[in-house]
Amino acid sequence: MLVEFHGVMQERGVTTHRRWFQDEGMELIVWFGPKNAPEGYQICYRGEDQRERALTWRTGQGFTHARVDAGDSRPDKNLTPILVRDGAVPWTRVRTEFSERAAELEPAIRDWVLETFAAQN
């Protein structure tokens, strides 16, 4: 089940704040605007090939899907992970997995994320 991290470091000089939830197989980061309304989220999950993916949704922009390039493919280099455009989103799998893992999340957050999925299909 997704559990919230408390004390998440916030970005300085911005009007948004974020909340971070995680379990052994998925992460959810939610961005909130100045009036505490959700403005976007990112779900990080493992693809069928076991590589990490990031599905991001932002108000006014919709979805983007990326593979996480860990940046550490060589033992003598340890670069910062970056997001690299990825192929098709496995919508049913991600929605089902999120629904199962989010069963104990605040209903307002869980339902809002699921509504964005419903609008996609």
PDB file of N, CA and C in Angstrom:
ATOM      1  N   MET A   1       0.826  -1.186   0.000  1.00  0.00           N
ATOM      2  CA  MET A   1       0.000   0.000   0.000  1.00  0.00           C
ATOM      3  C   MET A   1       0.872   1.251   0.000  1.00  0.00           C
ATOM      4  N   LEU A   2       0.454   2.230  -0.750  1.00  0.00           N
ATOM      5  CA  LEU A   2       1.185   3.491  -0.798  1.00  0.00           C
ATOM      6  C   LEU A   2       1.085   4.195   0.550  1.00  0.00           C
ATOM      7  N   VAL A   3       2.249   4.580   1.080  1.00  0.00           N
ATOM      8  CA  VAL A   3       2.343   5.248   2.371  1.00  0.00           C
ATOM      9  C   VAL A   3       3.045   6.582   2.154  1.00  0.00           C
ATOM     10  N   GLU A   4       2.588   7.612   2.848  1.00  0.00           N
ATOM     11  CA  GLU A   4       3.156   8.940   2.669  1.00  0.00           C
ATOM     12  C   GLU A   4       4.463   9.114   3.424  1.00  0.00           C
ATOM     13  N   PHE A   5       5.445   9.720   2.728  1.00  0.00           N
ATOM     14  CA  PHE A   5       6.657  10.198   3.380  1.00  0.00           C
ATOM     15  C   PHE A   5       6.318  11.535   3.991  1.00  0.00           C
ATOM     16  N   HIS A   6       6.724  11.763   5.217  1.00  0.00           N
ATOM     17  CA  HIS A   6       6.509  13.062   5.856  1.00  0.00           C
ATOM     18  C   HIS A   6       7.834  13.821   5.848  1.00  0.00           C
ATOM     19  N   GLY A   7       7.758  15.133   5.832  1.00  0.00           N
ATOM     20  CA  GLY A   7       8.961  15.940   5.821  1.00  0.00           C
ATOM     21  C   GLY A   7       9.648  15.991   4.470  1.00  0.00           C
ATOM     22  N   VAL A   8       8.870  15.859   3.388  1.00  0.00           N
ATOM     23  CA  VAL A   8       9.437  15.910   2.043  1.00  0.00           C
ATOM     24  C   VAL A   8      10.005  17.300   1.777  1.00  0.00           C
ATOM     25  N   MET A   9      11.228  17.343   1.271  1.00  0.00           N
ATOM     26  CA  MET A   9      11.851  18.626   0.961  1.00  0.00           C
ATOM     27  C   MET A   9      11.053  19.315  -0.149  1.00  0.00           C
ATOM     28  N   GLN A  10      10.764  20.577   0.054  1.00  0.00           N
ATOM     29  CA  GLN A  10       9.994  21.358  -0.912  1.00  0.00           C
ATOM     30  C   GLN A  10      10.934  22.260  -1.699  1.00  0.00           C
ATOM     31  N   GLU A  11      10.539  22.555  -2.929  1.00  0.00           N
ATOM     32  CA  GLU A  11      11.333  23.465  -3.757  1.00  0.00           C
ATOM     33  C   GLU A  11      11.187  24.886  -3.232  1.00  0.00           C
ATOM     34  N   ARG A  12      12.264  25.609  -3.237  1.00  0.00           N
ATOM     35  CA  ARG A  12      12.232  26.999  -2.784  1.00  0.00           C
ATOM     36  C   ARG A  12      11.818  27.907  -3.926  1.00  0.00           C
ATOM     37  N   GLY A  13      11.112  28.984  -3.576  1.00  0.00           N
ATOM     38  CA  GLY A  13      10.763  29.993  -4.557  1.00  0.00           C
ATOM     39  C   GLY A  13       9.628  29.627  -5.504  1.00  0.00           C
ATOM     40  N   VAL A  14       8.870  28.587  -5.172  1.00  0.00           N
ATOM     41  CA  VAL A  14       7.710  28.222  -5.988  1.00  0.00           C
ATOM     42  C   VAL A  14       6.459  28.255  -5.120  1.00  0.00           C
ATOM     43  N   THR A  15       5.316  28.382  -5.759  1.00  0.00           N
ATOM     44  CA  THR A  15       4.059  28.463  -5.005  1.00  0.00           C
ATOM     45  C   THR A  15       3.407  27.097  -4.817  1.00  0.00           C
ATOM     46  N   THR A  16       4.030  26.059  -5.344  1.00  0.00           N
ATOM     47  CA  THR A  16       3.473  24.714  -5.194  1.00  0.00           C
ATOM     48  C   THR A  16       4.207  23.968  -4.077  1.00  0.00           C
ATOM     49  N   HIS A  17       3.559  22.929  -3.595  1.00  0.00           N
ATOM     50  CA  HIS A  17       4.229  22.010  -2.675  1.00  0.00           C
ATOM     51  C   HIS A  17       3.899  20.596  -3.115  1.00  0.00           C
ATOM     52  N   ARG A  18       4.673  19.639  -2.663  1.00  0.00           N
ATOM     53  CA  ARG A  18       4.449  18.261  -3.097  1.00  0.00           C
ATOM     54  C   ARG A  18       4.322  17.317  -1.913  1.00  0.00           C
ATOM     55  N   ARG A  19       3.595  16.250  -2.189  1.00  0.00           N
ATOM     56  CA  ARG A  19       3.464  15.152  -1.238  1.00  0.00           C
ATOM     57  C   ARG A  19       3.942  13.898  -1.953  1.00  0.00           C
ATOM     58  N   TRP A  20       4.560  13.001  -1.211  1.00  0.00           N
ATOM     59  CA  TRP A  20       5.204  11.840  -1.805  1.00  0.00           C
ATOM     60  C   TRP A  20       4.721  10.574  -1.096  1.00  0.00           C
ATOM     61  N   PHE A  21       4.287   9.606  -1.891  1.00  0.00           N
ATOM     62  CA  PHE A  21       3.784   8.335  -1.378  1.00  0.00           C
ATOM     63  C   PHE A  21       4.576   7.212  -2.049  1.00  0.00           C
ATOM     64  N   GLN A  22       4.826   6.118  -1.315  1.00  0.00           N
ATOM     65  CA  GLN A  22       5.626   5.042  -1.889  1.00  0.00           C
ATOM     66  C   GLN A  22       5.296   3.716  -1.224  1.00  0.00           C
ATOM     67  N   ASP A  23       5.463   2.635  -1.984  1.00  0.00           N
ATOM     68  CA  ASP A  23       5.506   1.291  -1.430  1.00  0.00           C
ATOM     69  C   ASP A  23       6.615   0.544  -2.163  1.00  0.00           C
ATOM     70  N   GLU A  24       6.655  -0.764  -2.057  1.00  0.00           N
ATOM     71  CA  GLU A  24       7.768  -1.522  -2.618  1.00  0.00           C
ATOM     72  C   GLU A  24       7.805  -1.529  -4.143  1.00  0.00           C
ATOM     73  N   GLY A  25       6.727  -1.127  -4.806  1.00  0.00           N
ATOM     74  CA  GLY A  25       6.721  -1.216  -6.267  1.00  0.00           C
ATOM     75  C   GLY A  25       6.230   0.011  -7.010  1.00  0.00           C
ATOM     76  N   MET A  26       5.878   1.067  -6.300  1.00  0.00           N
ATOM     77  CA  MET A  26       5.319   2.246  -6.967  1.00  0.00           C
ATOM     78  C   MET A  26       5.553   3.480  -6.107  1.00  0.00           C
ATOM     79  N   GLU A  27       5.689   4.621  -6.798  1.00  0.00           N
ATOM     80  CA  GLU A  27       5.771   5.913  -6.115  1.00  0.00           C
ATOM     81  C   GLU A  27       4.723   6.833  -6.727  1.00  0.00           C
ATOM     82  N   LEU A  28       4.176   7.706  -5.906  1.00  0.00           N
ATOM     83  CA  LEU A  28       3.241   8.730  -6.357  1.00  0.00           C
ATOM     84  C   LEU A  28       3.676  10.049  -5.745  1.00  0.00           C
ATOM     85  N   ILE A  29       3.937  11.026  -6.606  1.00  0.00           N
ATOM     86  CA  ILE A  29       4.260  12.377  -6.159  1.00  0.00           C
ATOM     87  C   ILE A  29       3.128  13.260  -6.653  1.00  0.00           C
ATOM     88  N   VAL A  30       2.537  14.042  -5.762  1.00  0.00           N
ATOM     89  CA  VAL A  30       1.428  14.922  -6.125  1.00  0.00           C
ATOM     90  C   VAL A  30       1.844  16.357  -5.845  1.00  0.00           C
ATOM     91  N   TRP A  31       1.645  17.241  -6.854  1.00  0.00           N
ATOM     92  CA  TRP A  31       1.935  18.662  -6.702  1.00  0.00           C
ATOM     93  C   TRP A  31       0.642  19.408  -6.427  1.00  0.00           C
ATOM     94  N   PHE A  32       0.673  20.296  -5.441  1.00  0.00           N
ATOM     95  CA  PHE A  32      -0.483  21.093  -5.052  1.00  0.00           C
ATOM     96  C   PHE A  32      -0.166  22.565  -5.270  1.00  0.00           C
ATOM     97  N   GLY A  33      -1.171  23.313  -5.736  1.00  0.00           N
ATOM     98  CA  GLY A  33      -1.015  24.740  -5.975  1.00  0.00           C
ATOM     99  C   GLY A  33      -1.198  25.551  -4.716  1.00  0.00           C
ATOM    100  N   PRO A  34      -1.181  26.889  -4.870  1.00  0.00           N
ATOM    101  CA  PRO A  34      -1.253  27.786  -3.713  1.00  0.00           C
ATOM    102  C   PRO A  34      -2.532  27.639  -2.891  1.00  0.00           C
ATOM    103  N   LYS A  35      -3.619  27.219  -3.505  1.00  0.00           N
ATOM    104  CA  LYS A  35      -4.879  27.035  -2.763  1.00  0.00           C
ATOM    105  C   LYS A  35      -5.070  25.582  -2.342  1.00  0.00           C
ATOM    106  N   ASN A  36      -3.981  24.820  -2.335  1.00  0.00           N
ATOM    107  CA  ASN A  36      -3.968  23.408  -1.956  1.00  0.00           C
ATOM    108  C   ASN A  36      -4.776  22.517  -2.897  1.00  0.00           C
ATOM    109  N   ALA A  37      -4.982  22.973  -4.122  1.00  0.00           N
ATOM    110  CA  ALA A  37      -5.662  22.160  -5.136  1.00  0.00           C
ATOM    111  C   ALA A  37      -4.603  21.357  -5.899  1.00  0.00           C
ATOM    112  N   PRO A  38      -4.857  20.077  -6.165  1.00  0.00           N
ATOM    113  CA  PRO A  38      -3.872  19.288  -6.898  1.00  0.00           C
ATOM    114  C   PRO A  38      -3.707  19.813  -8.330  1.00  0.00           C
ATOM    115  N   GLU A  39      -2.431  19.916  -8.748  1.00  0.00           N
ATOM    116  CA  GLU A  39      -2.119  20.433 -10.082  1.00  0.00           C
ATOM    117  C   GLU A  39      -1.440  19.402 -10.968  1.00  0.00           C
ATOM    118  N   GLY A  40      -0.971  18.342 -10.397  1.00  0.00           N
ATOM    119  CA  GLY A  40      -0.293  17.329 -11.195  1.00  0.00           C
ATOM    120  C   GLY A  40       0.206  16.200 -10.324  1.00  0.00           C
ATOM    121  N   TYR A  41       0.633  15.143 -10.988  1.00  0.00           N
ATOM    122  CA  TYR A  41       1.199  14.009 -10.267  1.00  0.00           C
ATOM    123  C   TYR A  41       2.132  13.233 -11.171  1.00  0.00           C
ATOM    124  N   GLN A  42       2.932  12.390 -10.548  1.00  0.00           N
ATOM    125  CA  GLN A  42       3.798  11.475 -11.272  1.00  0.00           C
ATOM    126  C   GLN A  42       3.728  10.130 -10.585  1.00  0.00           C
ATOM    127  N   ILE A  43       3.456   9.100 -11.384  1.00  0.00           N
ATOM    128  CA  ILE A  43       3.458   7.724 -10.896  1.00  0.00           C
ATOM    129  C   ILE A  43       4.693   7.059 -11.478  1.00  0.00           C
ATOM    130  N   CYS A  44       5.549   6.543 -10.613  1.00  0.00           N
ATOM    131  CA  CYS A  44       6.727   5.799 -11.054  1.00  0.00           C
ATOM    132  C   CYS A  44       6.457   4.324 -10.779  1.00  0.00           C
ATOM    133  N   TYR A  45       6.711   3.499 -11.795  1.00  0.00           N
ATOM    134  CA  TYR A  45       6.402   2.077 -11.707  1.00  0.00           C
ATOM    135  C   TYR A  45       7.419   1.299 -12.530  1.00  0.00           C
ATOM    136  N   ARG A  46       7.463   0.003 -12.335  1.00  0.00           N
ATOM    137  CA  ARG A  46       8.342  -0.874 -13.111  1.00  0.00           C
ATOM    138  C   ARG A  46       7.583  -1.393 -14.324  1.00  0.00           C
ATOM    139  N   GLY A  47       8.212  -1.277 -15.495  1.00  0.00           N
ATOM    140  CA  GLY A  47       7.623  -1.806 -16.716  1.00  0.00           C
ATOM    141  C   GLY A  47       7.788  -3.318 -16.768  1.00  0.00           C
ATOM    142  N   GLU A  48       7.238  -3.914 -17.807  1.00  0.00           N
ATOM    143  CA  GLU A  48       7.357  -5.369 -17.983  1.00  0.00           C
ATOM    144  C   GLU A  48       8.821  -5.801 -18.058  1.00  0.00           C
ATOM    145  N   ASP A  49       9.680  -4.927 -18.562  1.00  0.00           N
ATOM    146  CA  ASP A  49      11.112  -5.223 -18.670  1.00  0.00           C
ATOM    147  C   ASP A  49      11.872  -4.890 -17.381  1.00  0.00           C
ATOM    148  N   GLN A  50      11.141  -4.540 -16.316  1.00  0.00           N
ATOM    149  CA  GLN A  50      11.693  -4.202 -14.988  1.00  0.00           C
ATOM    150  C   GLN A  50      12.424  -2.870 -14.952  1.00  0.00           C
ATOM    151  N   ARG A  51      12.346  -2.089 -16.019  1.00  0.00           N
ATOM    152  CA  ARG A  51      12.934  -0.753 -16.010  1.00  0.00           C
ATOM    153  C   ARG A  51      11.896   0.221 -15.491  1.00  0.00           C
ATOM    154  N   GLU A  52      12.380   1.215 -14.738  1.00  0.00           N
ATOM    155  CA  GLU A  52      11.463   2.173 -14.133  1.00  0.00           C
ATOM    156  C   GLU A  52      10.890   3.121 -15.181  1.00  0.00           C
ATOM    157  N   ARG A  53       9.597   3.391 -15.061  1.00  0.00           N
ATOM    158  CA  ARG A  53       8.883   4.317 -15.930  1.00  0.00           C
ATOM    159  C   ARG A  53       8.247   5.403 -15.071  1.00  0.00           C
ATOM    160  N   ALA A  54       7.972   6.552 -15.688  1.00  0.00           N
ATOM    161  CA  ALA A  54       7.307   7.661 -15.003  1.00  0.00           C
ATOM    162  C   ALA A  54       6.160   8.151 -15.876  1.00  0.00           C
ATOM    163  N   LEU A  55       4.965   8.102 -15.329  1.00  0.00           N
ATOM    164  CA  LEU A  55       3.769   8.615 -15.994  1.00  0.00           C
ATOM    165  C   LEU A  55       3.390   9.899 -15.266  1.00  0.00           C
ATOM    166  N   THR A  56       3.458  11.013 -15.982  1.00  0.00           N
ATOM    167  CA  THR A  56       3.238  12.323 -15.375  1.00  0.00           C
ATOM    168  C   THR A  56       2.002  12.967 -15.975  1.00  0.00           C
ATOM    169  N   TRP A  57       1.182  13.578 -15.118  1.00  0.00           N
ATOM    170  CA  TRP A  57       0.009  14.327 -15.563  1.00  0.00           C
ATOM    171  C   TRP A  57       0.068  15.710 -14.931  1.00  0.00           C
ATOM    172  N   ARG A  58      -0.112  16.742 -15.761  1.00  0.00           N
ATOM    173  CA  ARG A  58      -0.138  18.125 -15.268  1.00  0.00           C
ATOM    174  C   ARG A  58      -1.373  18.824 -15.820  1.00  0.00           C
ATOM    175  N   THR A  59      -1.999  19.659 -14.995  1.00  0.00           N
ATOM    176  CA  THR A  59      -3.154  20.441 -15.411  1.00  0.00           C
ATOM    177  C   THR A  59      -2.788  21.252 -16.656  1.00  0.00           C
ATOM    178  N   GLY A  60      -3.640  21.200 -17.655  1.00  0.00           N
ATOM    179  CA  GLY A  60      -3.429  21.963 -18.881  1.00  0.00           C
ATOM    180  C   GLY A  60      -2.450  21.335 -19.855  1.00  0.00           C
ATOM    181  N   GLN A  61      -1.770  20.280 -19.439  1.00  0.00           N
ATOM    182  CA  GLN A  61      -0.791  19.630 -20.315  1.00  0.00           C
ATOM    183  C   GLN A  61      -1.122  18.182 -20.598  1.00  0.00           C
ATOM    184  N   GLY A  62      -1.818  17.528 -19.701  1.00  0.00           N
ATOM    185  CA  GLY A  62      -2.129  16.113 -19.878  1.00  0.00           C
ATOM    186  C   GLY A  62      -0.968  15.211 -19.490  1.00  0.00           C
ATOM    187  N   PHE A  63      -0.911  14.037 -20.139  1.00  0.00           N
ATOM    188  CA  PHE A  63       0.044  12.998 -19.775  1.00  0.00           C
ATOM    189  C   PHE A  63       1.337  13.051 -20.581  1.00  0.00           C
ATOM    190  N   THR A  64       2.425  12.677 -19.934  1.00  0.00           N
ATOM    191  CA  THR A  64       3.675  12.331 -20.600  1.00  0.00           C
ATOM    192  C   THR A  64       4.137  11.015 -19.999  1.00  0.00           C
ATOM    193  N   HIS A  65       4.861  10.250 -20.797  1.00  0.00           N
ATOM    194  CA  HIS A  65       5.326   8.941 -20.354  1.00  0.00           C
ATOM    195  C   HIS A  65       6.807   8.845 -20.647  1.00  0.00           C
ATOM    196  N   ALA A  66       7.587   8.397 -19.676  1.00  0.00           N
ATOM    197  CA  ALA A  66       9.033   8.351 -19.845  1.00  0.00           C
ATOM    198  C   ALA A  66       9.619   7.127 -19.168  1.00  0.00           C
ATOM    199  N   ARG A  67      10.788   6.757 -19.640  1.00  0.00           N
ATOM    200  CA  ARG A  67      11.603   5.740 -19.003  1.00  0.00           C
ATOM    201  C   ARG A  67      12.629   6.487 -18.169  1.00  0.00           C
ATOM    202  N   VAL A  68      12.954   5.962 -17.004  1.00  0.00           N
ATOM    203  CA  VAL A  68      13.954   6.582 -16.155  1.00  0.00           C
ATOM    204  C   VAL A  68      15.314   6.002 -16.541  1.00  0.00           C
ATOM    205  N   ASP A  69      16.191   6.861 -17.042  1.00  0.00           N
ATOM    206  CA  ASP A  69      17.563   6.468 -17.338  1.00  0.00           C
ATOM    207  C   ASP A  69      18.357   6.745 -16.065  1.00  0.00           C
ATOM    208  N   ALA A  70      18.772   5.685 -15.383  1.00  0.00           N
ATOM    209  CA  ALA A  70      19.412   5.814 -14.077  1.00  0.00           C
ATOM    210  C   ALA A  70      20.739   6.555 -14.121  1.00  0.00           C
ATOM    211  N   GLY A  71      21.377   6.599 -15.284  1.00  0.00           N
ATOM    212  CA  GLY A  71      22.618   7.352 -15.404  1.00  0.00           C
ATOM    213  C   GLY A  71      23.832   6.662 -14.829  1.00  0.00           C
ATOM    214  N   ASP A  72      23.688   5.404 -14.429  1.00  0.00           N
ATOM    215  CA  ASP A  72      24.831   4.718 -13.827  1.00  0.00           C
ATOM    216  C   ASP A  72      25.156   3.416 -14.560  1.00  0.00           C
ATOM    217  N   SER A  73      25.188   3.481 -15.877  1.00  0.00           N
ATOM    218  CA  SER A  73      25.441   2.276 -16.662  1.00  0.00           C
ATOM    219  C   SER A  73      26.903   1.845 -16.638  1.00  0.00           C
ATOM    220  N   ARG A  74      27.779   2.719 -16.188  1.00  0.00           N
ATOM    221  CA  ARG A  74      29.201   2.383 -16.087  1.00  0.00           C
ATOM    222  C   ARG A  74      29.647   2.484 -14.630  1.00  0.00           C
ATOM    223  N   PRO A  75      30.513   1.589 -14.192  1.00  0.00           N
ATOM    224  CA  PRO A  75      30.949   1.617 -12.790  1.00  0.00           C
ATOM    225  C   PRO A  75      31.781   2.844 -12.432  1.00  0.00           C
ATOM    226  N   ASP A  76      32.393   3.485 -13.431  1.00  0.00           N
ATOM    227  CA  ASP A  76      33.226   4.647 -13.139  1.00  0.00           C
ATOM    228  C   ASP A  76      32.476   5.968 -13.256  1.00  0.00           C
ATOM    229  N   LYS A  77      31.175   5.908 -13.548  1.00  0.00           N
ATOM    230  CA  LYS A  77      30.361   7.125 -13.640  1.00  0.00           C
ATOM    231  C   LYS A  77      29.072   6.908 -12.871  1.00  0.00           C
ATOM    232  N   ASN A  78      28.612   7.941 -12.222  1.00  0.00           N
ATOM    233  CA  ASN A  78      27.331   7.888 -11.531  1.00  0.00           C
ATOM    234  C   ASN A  78      26.637   9.212 -11.820  1.00  0.00           C
ATOM    235  N   LEU A  79      25.876   9.240 -12.894  1.00  0.00           N
ATOM    236  CA  LEU A  79      25.215  10.456 -13.336  1.00  0.00           C
ATOM    237  C   LEU A  79      23.823  10.572 -12.733  1.00  0.00           C
ATOM    238  N   THR A  80      23.259  11.751 -12.794  1.00  0.00           N
ATOM    239  CA  THR A  80      21.913  11.995 -12.292  1.00  0.00           C
ATOM    240  C   THR A  80      20.894  11.302 -13.185  1.00  0.00           C
ATOM    241  N   PRO A  81      19.927  10.591 -12.604  1.00  0.00           N
ATOM    242  CA  PRO A  81      18.875   9.987 -13.430  1.00  0.00           C
ATOM    243  C   PRO A  81      18.108  11.058 -14.203  1.00  0.00           C
ATOM    244  N   ILE A  82      17.706  10.714 -15.423  1.00  0.00           N
ATOM    245  CA  ILE A  82      16.907  11.613 -16.254  1.00  0.00           C
ATOM    246  C   ILE A  82      15.734  10.848 -16.848  1.00  0.00           C
ATOM    247  N   LEU A  83      14.713  11.595 -17.274  1.00  0.00           N
ATOM    248  CA  LEU A  83      13.564  10.991 -17.941  1.00  0.00           C
ATOM    249  C   LEU A  83      13.783  11.052 -19.445  1.00  0.00           C
ATOM    250  N   VAL A  84      13.556   9.910 -20.112  1.00  0.00           N
ATOM    251  CA  VAL A  84      13.709   9.787 -21.554  1.00  0.00           C
ATOM    252  C   VAL A  84      12.370   9.331 -22.120  1.00  0.00           C
ATOM    253  N   ARG A  85      11.887  10.021 -23.154  1.00  0.00           N
ATOM    254  CA  ARG A  85      10.601   9.645 -23.750  1.00  0.00           C
ATOM    255  C   ARG A  85      10.502   8.146 -23.950  1.00  0.00           C
ATOM    256  N   ASP A  86       9.313   7.614 -23.669  1.00  0.00           N
ATOM    257  CA  ASP A  86       9.103   6.175 -23.796  1.00  0.00           C
ATOM    258  C   ASP A  86       7.892   5.908 -24.677  1.00  0.00           C
ATOM    259  N   GLY A  87       7.660   4.670 -24.970  1.00  0.00           N
ATOM    260  CA  GLY A  87       6.576   4.266 -25.859  1.00  0.00           C
ATOM    261  C   GLY A  87       5.208   4.307 -25.213  1.00  0.00           C
ATOM    262  N   ALA A  88       4.359   3.423 -25.674  1.00  0.00           N
ATOM    263  CA  ALA A  88       2.956   3.388 -25.259  1.00  0.00           C
ATOM    264  C   ALA A  88       2.813   3.111 -23.762  1.00  0.00           C
ATOM    265  N   VAL A  89       1.805   3.726 -23.190  1.00  0.00           N
ATOM    266  CA  VAL A  89       1.497   3.536 -21.769  1.00  0.00           C
ATOM    267  C   VAL A  89       0.637   2.276 -21.624  1.00  0.00           C
ATOM    268  N   PRO A  90       1.005   1.360 -20.736  1.00  0.00           N
ATOM    269  CA  PRO A  90       0.147   0.204 -20.460  1.00  0.00           C
ATOM    270  C   PRO A  90      -0.983   0.629 -19.510  1.00  0.00           C
ATOM    271  N   TRP A  91      -1.956   1.368 -20.063  1.00  0.00           N
ATOM    272  CA  TRP A  91      -2.986   2.030 -19.257  1.00  0.00           C
ATOM    273  C   TRP A  91      -3.680   1.093 -18.279  1.00  0.00           C
ATOM    274  N   THR A  92      -4.143  -0.037 -18.763  1.00  0.00           N
ATOM    275  CA  THR A  92      -4.902  -0.947 -17.900  1.00  0.00           C
ATOM    276  C   THR A  92      -4.035  -1.440 -16.746  1.00  0.00           C
ATOM    277  N   ARG A  93      -2.816  -1.835 -17.049  1.00  0.00           N
ATOM    278  CA  ARG A  93      -1.916  -2.343 -16.012  1.00  0.00           C
ATOM    279  C   ARG A  93      -1.617  -1.275 -14.967  1.00  0.00           C
ATOM    280  N   VAL A  94      -1.270  -0.066 -15.408  1.00  0.00           N
ATOM    281  CA  VAL A  94      -0.921   0.996 -14.457  1.00  0.00           C
ATOM    282  C   VAL A  94      -2.139   1.390 -13.617  1.00  0.00           C
ATOM    283  N   ARG A  95      -3.298   1.526 -14.266  1.00  0.00           N
ATOM    284  CA  ARG A  95      -4.514   1.897 -13.531  1.00  0.00           C
ATOM    285  C   ARG A  95      -4.874   0.831 -12.494  1.00  0.00           C
ATOM    286  N   THR A  96      -4.809  -0.442 -12.890  1.00  0.00           N
ATOM    287  CA  THR A  96      -5.140  -1.532 -11.975  1.00  0.00           C
ATOM    288  C   THR A  96      -4.163  -1.584 -10.806  1.00  0.00           C
ATOM    289  N   GLU A  97      -2.875  -1.493 -11.118  1.00  0.00           N
ATOM    290  CA  GLU A  97      -1.864  -1.536 -10.060  1.00  0.00           C
ATOM    291  C   GLU A  97      -2.005  -0.338  -9.121  1.00  0.00           C
ATOM    292  N   PHE A  98      -2.240   0.848  -9.686  1.00  0.00           N
ATOM    293  CA  PHE A  98      -2.423   2.023  -8.838  1.00  0.00           C
ATOM    294  C   PHE A  98      -3.647   1.840  -7.938  1.00  0.00           C
ATOM    295  N   SER A  99      -4.756   1.384  -8.497  1.00  0.00           N
ATOM    296  CA  SER A  99      -5.984   1.198  -7.708  1.00  0.00           C
ATOM    297  C   SER A  99      -5.753   0.273  -6.523  1.00  0.00           C
ATOM    298  N   GLU A 100      -5.022  -0.810  -6.750  1.00  0.00           N
ATOM    299  CA  GLU A 100      -4.747  -1.757  -5.672  1.00  0.00           C
ATOM    300  C   GLU A 100      -3.847  -1.138  -4.606  1.00  0.00           C
ATOM    301  N   ARG A 101      -2.804  -0.460  -5.041  1.00  0.00           N
ATOM    302  CA  ARG A 101      -1.831   0.099  -4.101  1.00  0.00           C
ATOM    303  C   ARG A 101      -2.357   1.346  -3.387  1.00  0.00           C
ATOM    304  N   ALA A 102      -3.344   2.022  -3.978  1.00  0.00           N
ATOM    305  CA  ALA A 102      -3.859   3.281  -3.431  1.00  0.00           C
ATOM    306  C   ALA A 102      -5.099   3.094  -2.570  1.00  0.00           C
ATOM    307  N   ALA A 103      -5.437   1.856  -2.244  1.00  0.00           N
ATOM    308  CA  ALA A 103      -6.671   1.585  -1.499  1.00  0.00           C
ATOM    309  C   ALA A 103      -6.765   2.364  -0.190  1.00  0.00           C
ATOM    310  N   GLU A 104      -5.629   2.646   0.444  1.00  0.00           N
ATOM    311  CA  GLU A 104      -5.651   3.342   1.730  1.00  0.00           C
ATOM    312  C   GLU A 104      -5.259   4.817   1.633  1.00  0.00           C
ATOM    313  N   LEU A 105      -5.076   5.318   0.412  1.00  0.00           N
ATOM    314  CA  LEU A 105      -4.796   6.754   0.236  1.00  0.00           C
ATOM    315  C   LEU A 105      -6.023   7.581   0.579  1.00  0.00           C
ATOM    316  N   GLU A 106      -5.794   8.854   0.845  1.00  0.00           N
ATOM    317  CA  GLU A 106      -6.928   9.758   1.031  1.00  0.00           C
ATOM    318  C   GLU A 106      -7.828   9.654  -0.202  1.00  0.00           C
ATOM    319  N   PRO A 107      -9.135   9.458  -0.006  1.00  0.00           N
ATOM    320  CA  PRO A 107     -10.031   9.300  -1.147  1.00  0.00           C
ATOM    321  C   PRO A 107      -9.944  10.438  -2.156  1.00  0.00           C
ATOM    322  N   ALA A 108      -9.764  11.675  -1.701  1.00  0.00           N
ATOM    323  CA  ALA A 108      -9.715  12.812  -2.629  1.00  0.00           C
ATOM    324  C   ALA A 108      -8.546  12.674  -3.599  1.00  0.00           C
ATOM    325  N   ILE A 109      -7.383  12.249  -3.118  1.00  0.00           N
ATOM    326  CA  ILE A 109      -6.222  12.081  -3.990  1.00  0.00           C
ATOM    327  C   ILE A 109      -6.415  10.875  -4.897  1.00  0.00           C
ATOM    328  N   ARG A 110      -6.771   9.738  -4.320  1.00  0.00           N
ATOM    329  CA  ARG A 110      -6.959   8.515  -5.099  1.00  0.00           C
ATOM    330  C   ARG A 110      -7.999   8.724  -6.201  1.00  0.00           C
ATOM    331  N   ASP A 111      -9.147   9.291  -5.854  1.00  0.00           N
ATOM    332  CA  ASP A 111     -10.221   9.474  -6.830  1.00  0.00           C
ATOM    333  C   ASP A 111      -9.829  10.472  -7.921  1.00  0.00           C
ATOM    334  N   TRP A 112      -9.101  11.514  -7.560  1.00  0.00           N
ATOM    335  CA  TRP A 112      -8.658  12.509  -8.544  1.00  0.00           C
ATOM    336  C   TRP A 112      -7.720  11.875  -9.570  1.00  0.00           C
ATOM    337  N   VAL A 113      -6.750  11.079  -9.097  1.00  0.00           N
ATOM    338  CA  VAL A 113      -5.837  10.406 -10.022  1.00  0.00           C
ATOM    339  C   VAL A 113      -6.626   9.469 -10.939  1.00  0.00           C
ATOM    340  N   LEU A 114      -7.534   8.695 -10.378  1.00  0.00           N
ATOM    341  CA  LEU A 114      -8.311   7.760 -11.197  1.00  0.00           C
ATOM    342  C   LEU A 114      -9.208   8.495 -12.201  1.00  0.00           C
ATOM    343  N   GLU A 115      -9.684   9.674 -11.843  1.00  0.00           N
ATOM    344  CA  GLU A 115     -10.491  10.460 -12.796  1.00  0.00           C
ATOM    345  C   GLU A 115      -9.651  10.893 -13.993  1.00  0.00           C
ATOM    346  N   THR A 116      -8.386  11.229 -13.771  1.00  0.00           N
ATOM    347  CA  THR A 116      -7.537  11.611 -14.915  1.00  0.00           C
ATOM    348  C   THR A 116      -7.317  10.408 -15.825  1.00  0.00           C
ATOM    349  N   PHE A 117      -7.210   9.215 -15.248  1.00  0.00           N
ATOM    350  CA  PHE A 117      -7.080   8.003 -16.061  1.00  0.00           C
ATOM    351  C   PHE A 117      -8.357   7.789 -16.884  1.00  0.00           C
ATOM    352  N   ALA A 118      -9.509   7.957 -16.256  1.00  0.00           N
ATOM    353  CA  ALA A 118     -10.790   7.736 -16.939  1.00  0.00           C
ATOM    354  C   ALA A 118     -10.941   8.698 -18.121  1.00  0.00           C
ATOM    355  N   ALA A 119     -10.469   9.918 -17.972  1.00  0.00           N
ATOM    356  CA  ALA A 119     -10.561  10.904 -19.049  1.00  0.00           C
ATOM    357  C   ALA A 119      -9.674  10.514 -20.227  1.00  0.00           C
ATOM    358  N   GLN A 120      -8.636   9.716 -19.982  1.00  0.00           N
ATOM    359  CA  GLN A 120      -7.727   9.296 -21.035  1.00  0.00           C
ATOM    360  C   GLN A 120      -8.360   8.248 -21.929  1.00  0.00           C
ATOM    361  N   ASN A 121      -9.205   7.422 -21.363  1.00  0.00           N
ATOM    362  CA  ASN A 121      -9.756   6.281 -22.142  1.00  0.00           C
ATOM    363  C   ASN A 121     -11.082   6.601 -22.770  1.00  0.00           C
TER     364      ASN A 121
END
